[in-house]
């Protein structure tokens, strides 16, 4: 929503693609580029 180009997550960070993460994000985890 606020213009970040990408998200970086640490190895021990919770999974962005876990069902609750995807749901709370309203699917935006599927459009914002990210990696670990």
ModelCIF file with pLDDT and N, C-alpha, C, O atoms, coordinates in Angstrom:
data_MODEL
#
_entry.id   MODEL 
#
_entity.id                         1 
_entity.type                       polymer 
_entity.pdbx_number_of_molecules   1 
#
_entity_poly.entity_id                      1 
_entity_poly.type                           'polypeptide(L)' 
_entity_poly.nstd_linkage                   no 
_entity_poly.nstd_monomer                   no 
_entity_poly.pdbx_seq_one_letter_code       
;(UNK)(UNK)(UNK)(UNK)(UNK)(UNK)(UNK)(UNK)(UNK)(UNK)(UNK)(UNK)(UNK)(UNK)(UNK)(UNK)
(UNK)(UNK)(UNK)(UNK)(UNK)(UNK)(UNK)(UNK)(UNK)(UNK)(UNK)(UNK)(UNK)(UNK)(UNK)(UNK)
(UNK)(UNK)(UNK)(UNK)
;
_entity_poly.pdbx_seq_one_letter_code_can   XXXXXXXXXXXXXXXXXXXXXXXXXXXXXXXXXXXX 
_entity_poly.pdbx_strand_id                 A 
#
loop_
_entity_poly_seq.entity_id 
_entity_poly_seq.num 
_entity_poly_seq.mon_id 
_entity_poly_seq.hetero 
1 1  UNK n 
1 2  UNK n 
1 3  UNK n 
1 4  UNK n 
1 5  UNK n 
1 6  UNK n 
1 7  UNK n 
1 8  UNK n 
1 9  UNK n 
1 10 UNK n 
1 11 UNK n 
1 12 UNK n 
1 13 UNK n 
1 14 UNK n 
1 15 UNK n 
1 16 UNK n 
1 17 UNK n 
1 18 UNK n 
1 19 UNK n 
1 20 UNK n 
1 21 UNK n 
1 22 UNK n 
1 23 UNK n 
1 24 UNK n 
1 25 UNK n 
1 26 UNK n 
1 27 UNK n 
1 28 UNK n 
1 29 UNK n 
1 30 UNK n 
1 31 UNK n 
1 32 UNK n 
1 33 UNK n 
1 34 UNK n 
1 35 UNK n 
1 36 UNK n 
#
_struct_asym.id          A 
_struct_asym.entity_id   1 
#
loop_
_ma_qa_metric.id 
_ma_qa_metric.mode 
_ma_qa_metric.name 
_ma_qa_metric.software_group_id 
_ma_qa_metric.type 
1 global pLDDT . pLDDT 
2 local  pLDDT . pLDDT 
#
_ma_qa_metric_global.metric_id      1 
_ma_qa_metric_global.metric_value   94.56 
_ma_qa_metric_global.model_id       1 
_ma_qa_metric_global.ordinal_id     1 
#
loop_
_ma_qa_metric_local.label_asym_id 
_ma_qa_metric_local.label_comp_id 
_ma_qa_metric_local.label_seq_id 
_ma_qa_metric_local.metric_id 
_ma_qa_metric_local.metric_value 
_ma_qa_metric_local.model_id 
_ma_qa_metric_local.ordinal_id 
A UNK 1  2 96.00 1 1  
A UNK 2  2 96.00 1 2  
A UNK 3  2 92.00 1 3  
A UNK 4  2 96.00 1 4  
A UNK 5  2 97.00 1 5  
A UNK 6  2 98.00 1 6  
A UNK 7  2 98.00 1 7  
A UNK 8  2 98.00 1 8  
A UNK 9  2 98.00 1 9  
A UNK 10 2 97.00 1 10 
A UNK 11 2 95.00 1 11 
A UNK 12 2 94.00 1 12 
A UNK 13 2 96.00 1 13 
A UNK 14 2 93.00 1 14 
A UNK 15 2 93.00 1 15 
A UNK 16 2 95.00 1 16 
A UNK 17 2 94.00 1 17 
A UNK 18 2 93.00 1 18 
A UNK 19 2 90.00 1 19 
A UNK 20 2 90.00 1 20 
A UNK 21 2 94.00 1 21 
A UNK 22 2 94.00 1 22 
A UNK 23 2 91.00 1 23 
A UNK 24 2 94.00 1 24 
A UNK 25 2 94.00 1 25 
A UNK 26 2 91.00 1 26 
A UNK 27 2 91.00 1 27 
A UNK 28 2 94.00 1 28 
A UNK 29 2 95.00 1 29 
A UNK 30 2 94.00 1 30 
A UNK 31 2 91.00 1 31 
A UNK 32 2 95.00 1 32 
A UNK 33 2 96.00 1 33 
A UNK 34 2 97.00 1 34 
A UNK 35 2 97.00 1 35 
A UNK 36 2 97.00 1 36 
#
loop_
_atom_site.group_PDB 
_atom_site.id 
_atom_site.type_symbol 
_atom_site.label_atom_id 
_atom_site.label_alt_id 
_atom_site.label_comp_id 
_atom_site.label_asym_id 
_atom_site.label_entity_id 
_atom_site.label_seq_id 
_atom_site.pdbx_PDB_ins_code 
_atom_site.Cartn_x 
_atom_site.Cartn_y 
_atom_site.Cartn_z 
_atom_site.occupancy 
_atom_site.B_iso_or_equiv 
_atom_site.pdbx_formal_charge 
_atom_site.auth_seq_id 
_atom_site.auth_comp_id 
_atom_site.auth_asym_id 
_atom_site.auth_atom_id 
_atom_site.pdbx_PDB_model_num 
ATOM 1   N N  . UNK A 1 1  ? 0.808  -1.220  0.000  1.00 96.00 ? 1  UNK A N  1 
ATOM 2   C CA . UNK A 1 1  ? 0.000  0.000   0.000  1.00 96.00 ? 1  UNK A CA 1 
ATOM 3   C C  . UNK A 1 1  ? 0.839  1.267   0.000  1.00 96.00 ? 1  UNK A C  1 
ATOM 4   O O  . UNK A 1 1  ? 0.408  2.300   -0.512 1.00 96.00 ? 1  UNK A O  1 
ATOM 5   N N  . UNK A 1 2  ? 2.044  1.191   0.577  1.00 96.00 ? 2  UNK A N  1 
ATOM 6   C CA . UNK A 1 2  ? 2.819  2.405   0.820  1.00 96.00 ? 2  UNK A CA 1 
ATOM 7   C C  . UNK A 1 2  ? 4.130  2.443   0.049  1.00 96.00 ? 2  UNK A C  1 
ATOM 8   O O  . UNK A 1 2  ? 5.043  3.185   0.410  1.00 96.00 ? 2  UNK A O  1 
ATOM 9   N N  . UNK A 1 3  ? 4.226  1.656   -0.998 1.00 92.00 ? 3  UNK A N  1 
ATOM 10  C CA . UNK A 1 3  ? 5.279  1.875   -1.978 1.00 92.00 ? 3  UNK A CA 1 
ATOM 11  C C  . UNK A 1 3  ? 6.598  1.196   -1.765 1.00 92.00 ? 3  UNK A C  1 
ATOM 12  O O  . UNK A 1 3  ? 7.583  1.603   -2.382 1.00 92.00 ? 3  UNK A O  1 
ATOM 13  N N  . UNK A 1 4  ? 6.687  0.166   -0.914 1.00 96.00 ? 4  UNK A N  1 
ATOM 14  C CA . UNK A 1 4  ? 7.944  -0.569  -0.823 1.00 96.00 ? 4  UNK A CA 1 
ATOM 15  C C  . UNK A 1 4  ? 8.116  -1.421  -2.081 1.00 96.00 ? 4  UNK A C  1 
ATOM 16  O O  . UNK A 1 4  ? 7.153  -1.981  -2.605 1.00 96.00 ? 4  UNK A O  1 
ATOM 17  N N  . UNK A 1 5  ? 9.339  -1.505  -2.548 1.00 97.00 ? 5  UNK A N  1 
ATOM 18  C CA . UNK A 1 5  ? 9.611  -2.257  -3.769 1.00 97.00 ? 5  UNK A CA 1 
ATOM 19  C C  . UNK A 1 5  ? 9.797  -3.741  -3.514 1.00 97.00 ? 5  UNK A C  1 
ATOM 20  O O  . UNK A 1 5  ? 9.572  -4.560  -4.406 1.00 97.00 ? 5  UNK A O  1 
ATOM 21  N N  . UNK A 1 6  ? 10.204 -4.091  -2.310 1.00 98.00 ? 6  UNK A N  1 
ATOM 22  C CA . UNK A 1 6  ? 10.469 -5.499  -2.000 1.00 98.00 ? 6  UNK A CA 1 
ATOM 23  C C  . UNK A 1 6  ? 10.537 -5.674  -0.490 1.00 98.00 ? 6  UNK A C  1 
ATOM 24  O O  . UNK A 1 6  ? 10.683 -4.708  0.260  1.00 98.00 ? 6  UNK A O  1 
ATOM 25  N N  . UNK A 1 7  ? 10.425 -6.943  -0.056 1.00 98.00 ? 7  UNK A N  1 
ATOM 26  C CA . UNK A 1 7  ? 10.542 -7.296  1.359  1.00 98.00 ? 7  UNK A CA 1 
ATOM 27  C C  . UNK A 1 7  ? 11.571 -8.407  1.478  1.00 98.00 ? 7  UNK A C  1 
ATOM 28  O O  . UNK A 1 7  ? 11.561 -9.365  0.706  1.00 98.00 ? 7  UNK A O  1 
ATOM 29  N N  . UNK A 1 8  ? 12.459 -8.268  2.458  1.00 98.00 ? 8  UNK A N  1 
ATOM 30  C CA . UNK A 1 8  ? 13.457 -9.298  2.750  1.00 98.00 ? 8  UNK A CA 1 
ATOM 31  C C  . UNK A 1 8  ? 13.127 -9.886  4.114  1.00 98.00 ? 8  UNK A C  1 
ATOM 32  O O  . UNK A 1 8  ? 12.876 -9.146  5.065  1.00 98.00 ? 8  UNK A O  1 
ATOM 33  N N  . UNK A 1 9  ? 13.128 -11.210 4.216  1.00 98.00 ? 9  UNK A N  1 
ATOM 34  C CA . UNK A 1 9  ? 12.803 -11.853 5.487  1.00 98.00 ? 9  UNK A CA 1 
ATOM 35  C C  . UNK A 1 9  ? 13.948 -12.772 5.897  1.00 98.00 ? 9  UNK A C  1 
ATOM 36  O O  . UNK A 1 9  ? 14.558 -13.437 5.059  1.00 98.00 ? 9  UNK A O  1 
ATOM 37  N N  . UNK A 1 10 ? 14.226 -12.800 7.177  1.00 97.00 ? 10 UNK A N  1 
ATOM 38  C CA . UNK A 1 10 ? 15.314 -13.628 7.693  1.00 97.00 ? 10 UNK A CA 1 
ATOM 39  C C  . UNK A 1 10 ? 14.930 -15.097 7.641  1.00 97.00 ? 10 UNK A C  1 
ATOM 40  O O  . UNK A 1 10 ? 13.763 -15.441 7.450  1.00 97.00 ? 10 UNK A O  1 
ATOM 41  N N  . UNK A 1 11 ? 15.922 -15.957 7.813  1.00 95.00 ? 11 UNK A N  1 
ATOM 42  C CA . UNK A 1 11 ? 15.685 -17.399 7.758  1.00 95.00 ? 11 UNK A CA 1 
ATOM 43  C C  . UNK A 1 11 ? 14.682 -17.857 8.815  1.00 95.00 ? 11 UNK A C  1 
ATOM 44  O O  . UNK A 1 11 ? 13.910 -18.785 8.575  1.00 95.00 ? 11 UNK A O  1 
ATOM 45  N N  . UNK A 1 12 ? 14.687 -17.210 9.985  1.00 94.00 ? 12 UNK A N  1 
ATOM 46  C CA . UNK A 1 12 ? 13.817 -17.644 11.079 1.00 94.00 ? 12 UNK A CA 1 
ATOM 47  C C  . UNK A 1 12 ? 12.498 -16.881 11.121 1.00 94.00 ? 12 UNK A C  1 
ATOM 48  O O  . UNK A 1 12 ? 11.690 -17.093 12.024 1.00 94.00 ? 12 UNK A O  1 
ATOM 49  N N  . UNK A 1 13 ? 12.277 -16.010 10.169 1.00 96.00 ? 13 UNK A N  1 
ATOM 50  C CA . UNK A 1 13 ? 11.026 -15.250 10.119 1.00 96.00 ? 13 UNK A CA 1 
ATOM 51  C C  . UNK A 1 13 ? 9.881  -16.176 9.705  1.00 96.00 ? 13 UNK A C  1 
ATOM 52  O O  . UNK A 1 13 ? 10.081 -17.113 8.931  1.00 96.00 ? 13 UNK A O  1 
ATOM 53  N N  . UNK A 1 14 ? 8.696  -15.912 10.218 1.00 93.00 ? 14 UNK A N  1 
ATOM 54  C CA . UNK A 1 14 ? 7.519  -16.700 9.855  1.00 93.00 ? 14 UNK A CA 1 
ATOM 55  C C  . UNK A 1 14 ? 7.292  -16.656 8.349  1.00 93.00 ? 14 UNK A C  1 
ATOM 56  O O  . UNK A 1 14 ? 7.640  -15.682 7.682  1.00 93.00 ? 14 UNK A O  1 
ATOM 57  N N  . UNK A 1 15 ? 6.710  -17.713 7.833  1.00 93.00 ? 15 UNK A N  1 
ATOM 58  C CA . UNK A 1 15 ? 6.531  -17.901 6.395  1.00 93.00 ? 15 UNK A CA 1 
ATOM 59  C C  . UNK A 1 15 ? 5.508  -16.916 5.820  1.00 93.00 ? 15 UNK A C  1 
ATOM 60  O O  . UNK A 1 15 ? 4.343  -16.946 6.215  1.00 93.00 ? 15 UNK A O  1 
ATOM 61  N N  . UNK A 1 16 ? 5.925  -16.041 4.891  1.00 95.00 ? 16 UNK A N  1 
ATOM 62  C CA . UNK A 1 16 ? 4.953  -15.134 4.263  1.00 95.00 ? 16 UNK A CA 1 
ATOM 63  C C  . UNK A 1 16 ? 3.856  -15.861 3.494  1.00 95.00 ? 16 UNK A C  1 
ATOM 64  O O  . UNK A 1 16 ? 2.782  -15.299 3.280  1.00 95.00 ? 16 UNK A O  1 
ATOM 65  N N  . UNK A 1 17 ? 4.105  -17.100 3.075  1.00 94.00 ? 17 UNK A N  1 
ATOM 66  C CA . UNK A 1 17 ? 3.107  -17.847 2.313  1.00 94.00 ? 17 UNK A CA 1 
ATOM 67  C C  . UNK A 1 17 ? 2.292  -18.812 3.175  1.00 94.00 ? 17 UNK A C  1 
ATOM 68  O O  . UNK A 1 17 ? 1.513  -19.604 2.644  1.00 94.00 ? 17 UNK A O  1 
ATOM 69  N N  . UNK A 1 18 ? 2.462  -18.754 4.491  1.00 93.00 ? 18 UNK A N  1 
ATOM 70  C CA . UNK A 1 18 ? 1.567  -19.523 5.358  1.00 93.00 ? 18 UNK A CA 1 
ATOM 71  C C  . UNK A 1 18 ? 0.161  -18.938 5.220  1.00 93.00 ? 18 UNK A C  1 
ATOM 72  O O  . UNK A 1 18 ? 0.007  -17.738 4.990  1.00 93.00 ? 18 UNK A O  1 
ATOM 73  N N  . UNK A 1 19 ? -0.853 -19.773 5.357  1.00 90.00 ? 19 UNK A N  1 
ATOM 74  C CA . UNK A 1 19 ? -2.235 -19.369 5.081  1.00 90.00 ? 19 UNK A CA 1 
ATOM 75  C C  . UNK A 1 19 ? -2.648 -18.089 5.813  1.00 90.00 ? 19 UNK A C  1 
ATOM 76  O O  . UNK A 1 19 ? -3.271 -17.212 5.215  1.00 90.00 ? 19 UNK A O  1 
ATOM 77  N N  . UNK A 1 20 ? -2.309 -17.975 7.090  1.00 90.00 ? 20 UNK A N  1 
ATOM 78  C CA . UNK A 1 20 ? -2.711 -16.783 7.846  1.00 90.00 ? 20 UNK A CA 1 
ATOM 79  C C  . UNK A 1 20 ? -2.004 -15.539 7.342  1.00 90.00 ? 20 UNK A C  1 
ATOM 80  O O  . UNK A 1 20 ? -2.608 -14.467 7.285  1.00 90.00 ? 20 UNK A O  1 
ATOM 81  N N  . UNK A 1 21 ? -0.731 -15.661 6.975  1.00 94.00 ? 21 UNK A N  1 
ATOM 82  C CA . UNK A 1 21 ? -0.006 -14.515 6.434  1.00 94.00 ? 21 UNK A CA 1 
ATOM 83  C C  . UNK A 1 21 ? -0.650 -14.028 5.146  1.00 94.00 ? 21 UNK A C  1 
ATOM 84  O O  . UNK A 1 21 ? -0.875 -12.832 4.963  1.00 94.00 ? 21 UNK A O  1 
ATOM 85  N N  . UNK A 1 22 ? -0.942 -14.972 4.256  1.00 94.00 ? 22 UNK A N  1 
ATOM 86  C CA . UNK A 1 22 ? -1.542 -14.617 2.969  1.00 94.00 ? 22 UNK A CA 1 
ATOM 87  C C  . UNK A 1 22 ? -2.902 -13.959 3.186  1.00 94.00 ? 22 UNK A C  1 
ATOM 88  O O  . UNK A 1 22 ? -3.223 -12.957 2.548  1.00 94.00 ? 22 UNK A O  1 
ATOM 89  N N  . UNK A 1 23 ? -3.698 -14.531 4.093  1.00 91.00 ? 23 UNK A N  1 
ATOM 90  C CA . UNK A 1 23 ? -5.043 -14.008 4.350  1.00 91.00 ? 23 UNK A CA 1 
ATOM 91  C C  . UNK A 1 23 ? -4.984 -12.592 4.925  1.00 91.00 ? 23 UNK A C  1 
ATOM 92  O O  . UNK A 1 23 ? -5.680 -11.699 4.442  1.00 91.00 ? 23 UNK A O  1 
ATOM 93  N N  . UNK A 1 24 ? -4.158 -12.383 5.950  1.00 94.00 ? 24 UNK A N  1 
ATOM 94  C CA . UNK A 1 24 ? -4.068 -11.063 6.583  1.00 94.00 ? 24 UNK A CA 1 
ATOM 95  C C  . UNK A 1 24 ? -3.542 -10.019 5.600  1.00 94.00 ? 24 UNK A C  1 
ATOM 96  O O  . UNK A 1 24 ? -3.927 -8.851  5.658  1.00 94.00 ? 24 UNK A O  1 
ATOM 97  N N  . UNK A 1 25 ? -2.671 -10.442 4.711  1.00 94.00 ? 25 UNK A N  1 
ATOM 98  C CA . UNK A 1 25 ? -2.102 -9.506  3.726  1.00 94.00 ? 25 UNK A CA 1 
ATOM 99  C C  . UNK A 1 25 ? -3.080 -9.182  2.609  1.00 94.00 ? 25 UNK A C  1 
ATOM 100 O O  . UNK A 1 25 ? -2.785 -8.351  1.750  1.00 94.00 ? 25 UNK A O  1 
ATOM 101 N N  . UNK A 1 26 ? -4.262 -9.840  2.607  1.00 91.00 ? 26 UNK A N  1 
ATOM 102 C CA . UNK A 1 26 ? -5.228 -9.777  1.509  1.00 91.00 ? 26 UNK A CA 1 
ATOM 103 C C  . UNK A 1 26 ? -4.584 -10.140 0.172  1.00 91.00 ? 26 UNK A C  1 
ATOM 104 O O  . UNK A 1 26 ? -4.950 -9.611  -0.877 1.00 91.00 ? 26 UNK A O  1 
ATOM 105 N N  . UNK A 1 27 ? -3.630 -11.042 0.234  1.00 91.00 ? 27 UNK A N  1 
ATOM 106 C CA . UNK A 1 27 ? -2.995 -11.522 -0.990 1.00 91.00 ? 27 UNK A CA 1 
ATOM 107 C C  . UNK A 1 27 ? -1.835 -10.681 -1.479 1.00 91.00 ? 27 UNK A C  1 
ATOM 108 O O  . UNK A 1 27 ? -1.252 -10.997 -2.516 1.00 91.00 ? 27 UNK A O  1 
ATOM 109 N N  . UNK A 1 28 ? -1.476 -9.611  -0.764 1.00 94.00 ? 28 UNK A N  1 
ATOM 110 C CA . UNK A 1 28 ? -0.394 -8.759  -1.256 1.00 94.00 ? 28 UNK A CA 1 
ATOM 111 C C  . UNK A 1 28 ? 0.973  -9.427  -1.149 1.00 94.00 ? 28 UNK A C  1 
ATOM 112 O O  . UNK A 1 28 ? 1.922  -8.983  -1.796 1.00 94.00 ? 28 UNK A O  1 
ATOM 113 N N  . UNK A 1 29 ? 1.096  -10.503 -0.330 1.00 95.00 ? 29 UNK A N  1 
ATOM 114 C CA . UNK A 1 29 ? 2.364  -11.240 -0.318 1.00 95.00 ? 29 UNK A CA 1 
ATOM 115 C C  . UNK A 1 29 ? 2.622  -11.879 -1.678 1.00 95.00 ? 29 UNK A C  1 
ATOM 116 O O  . UNK A 1 29 ? 3.744  -12.292 -1.972 1.00 95.00 ? 29 UNK A O  1 
ATOM 117 N N  . UNK A 1 30 ? 1.588  -11.959 -2.501 1.00 94.00 ? 30 UNK A N  1 
ATOM 118 C CA . UNK A 1 30 ? 1.713  -12.570 -3.820 1.00 94.00 ? 30 UNK A CA 1 
ATOM 119 C C  . UNK A 1 30 ? 2.102  -11.548 -4.889 1.00 94.00 ? 30 UNK A C  1 
ATOM 120 O O  . UNK A 1 30 ? 2.421  -11.924 -6.017 1.00 94.00 ? 30 UNK A O  1 
ATOM 121 N N  . UNK A 1 31 ? 2.078  -10.256 -4.543 1.00 91.00 ? 31 UNK A N  1 
ATOM 122 C CA . UNK A 1 31 ? 2.403  -9.234  -5.531 1.00 91.00 ? 31 UNK A CA 1 
ATOM 123 C C  . UNK A 1 31 ? 3.672  -8.463  -5.190 1.00 91.00 ? 31 UNK A C  1 
ATOM 124 O O  . UNK A 1 31 ? 4.311  -7.921  -6.092 1.00 91.00 ? 31 UNK A O  1 
ATOM 125 N N  . UNK A 1 32 ? 4.056  -8.397  -3.921 1.00 95.00 ? 32 UNK A N  1 
ATOM 126 C CA . UNK A 1 32 ? 5.277  -7.689  -3.538 1.00 95.00 ? 32 UNK A CA 1 
ATOM 127 C C  . UNK A 1 32 ? 6.459  -8.660  -3.657 1.00 95.00 ? 32 UNK A C  1 
ATOM 128 O O  . UNK A 1 32 ? 6.436  -9.717  -3.026 1.00 95.00 ? 32 UNK A O  1 
ATOM 129 N N  . UNK A 1 33 ? 7.474  -8.338  -4.432 1.00 96.00 ? 33 UNK A N  1 
ATOM 130 C CA . UNK A 1 33 ? 8.634  -9.237  -4.525 1.00 96.00 ? 33 UNK A CA 1 
ATOM 131 C C  . UNK A 1 33 ? 9.280  -9.422  -3.157 1.00 96.00 ? 33 UNK A C  1 
ATOM 132 O O  . UNK A 1 33 ? 9.399  -8.471  -2.385 1.00 96.00 ? 33 UNK A O  1 
ATOM 133 N N  . UNK A 1 34 ? 9.698  -10.658 -2.862 1.00 97.00 ? 34 UNK A N  1 
ATOM 134 C CA . UNK A 1 34 ? 10.347 -10.926 -1.580 1.00 97.00 ? 34 UNK A CA 1 
ATOM 135 C C  . UNK A 1 34 ? 11.271 -12.120 -1.720 1.00 97.00 ? 34 UNK A C  1 
ATOM 136 O O  . UNK A 1 34 ? 11.146 -12.935 -2.634 1.00 97.00 ? 34 UNK A O  1 
ATOM 137 N N  . UNK A 1 35 ? 12.209 -12.195 -0.775 1.00 97.00 ? 35 UNK A N  1 
ATOM 138 C CA . UNK A 1 35 ? 13.070 -13.363 -0.686 1.00 97.00 ? 35 UNK A CA 1 
ATOM 139 C C  . UNK A 1 35 ? 13.654 -13.430 0.714  1.00 97.00 ? 35 UNK A C  1 
ATOM 140 O O  . UNK A 1 35 ? 13.460 -12.522 1.522  1.00 97.00 ? 35 UNK A O  1 
ATOM 141 N N  . UNK A 1 36 ? 14.368 -14.507 0.997  1.00 97.00 ? 36 UNK A N  1 
ATOM 142 C CA . UNK A 1 36 ? 14.986 -14.686 2.315  1.00 97.00 ? 36 UNK A CA 1 
ATOM 143 C C  . UNK A 1 36 ? 16.478 -14.363 2.249  1.00 97.00 ? 36 UNK A C  1 
ATOM 144 O O  . UNK A 1 36 ? 17.174 -14.454 3.260  1.00 97.00 ? 36 UNK A O  1 
#
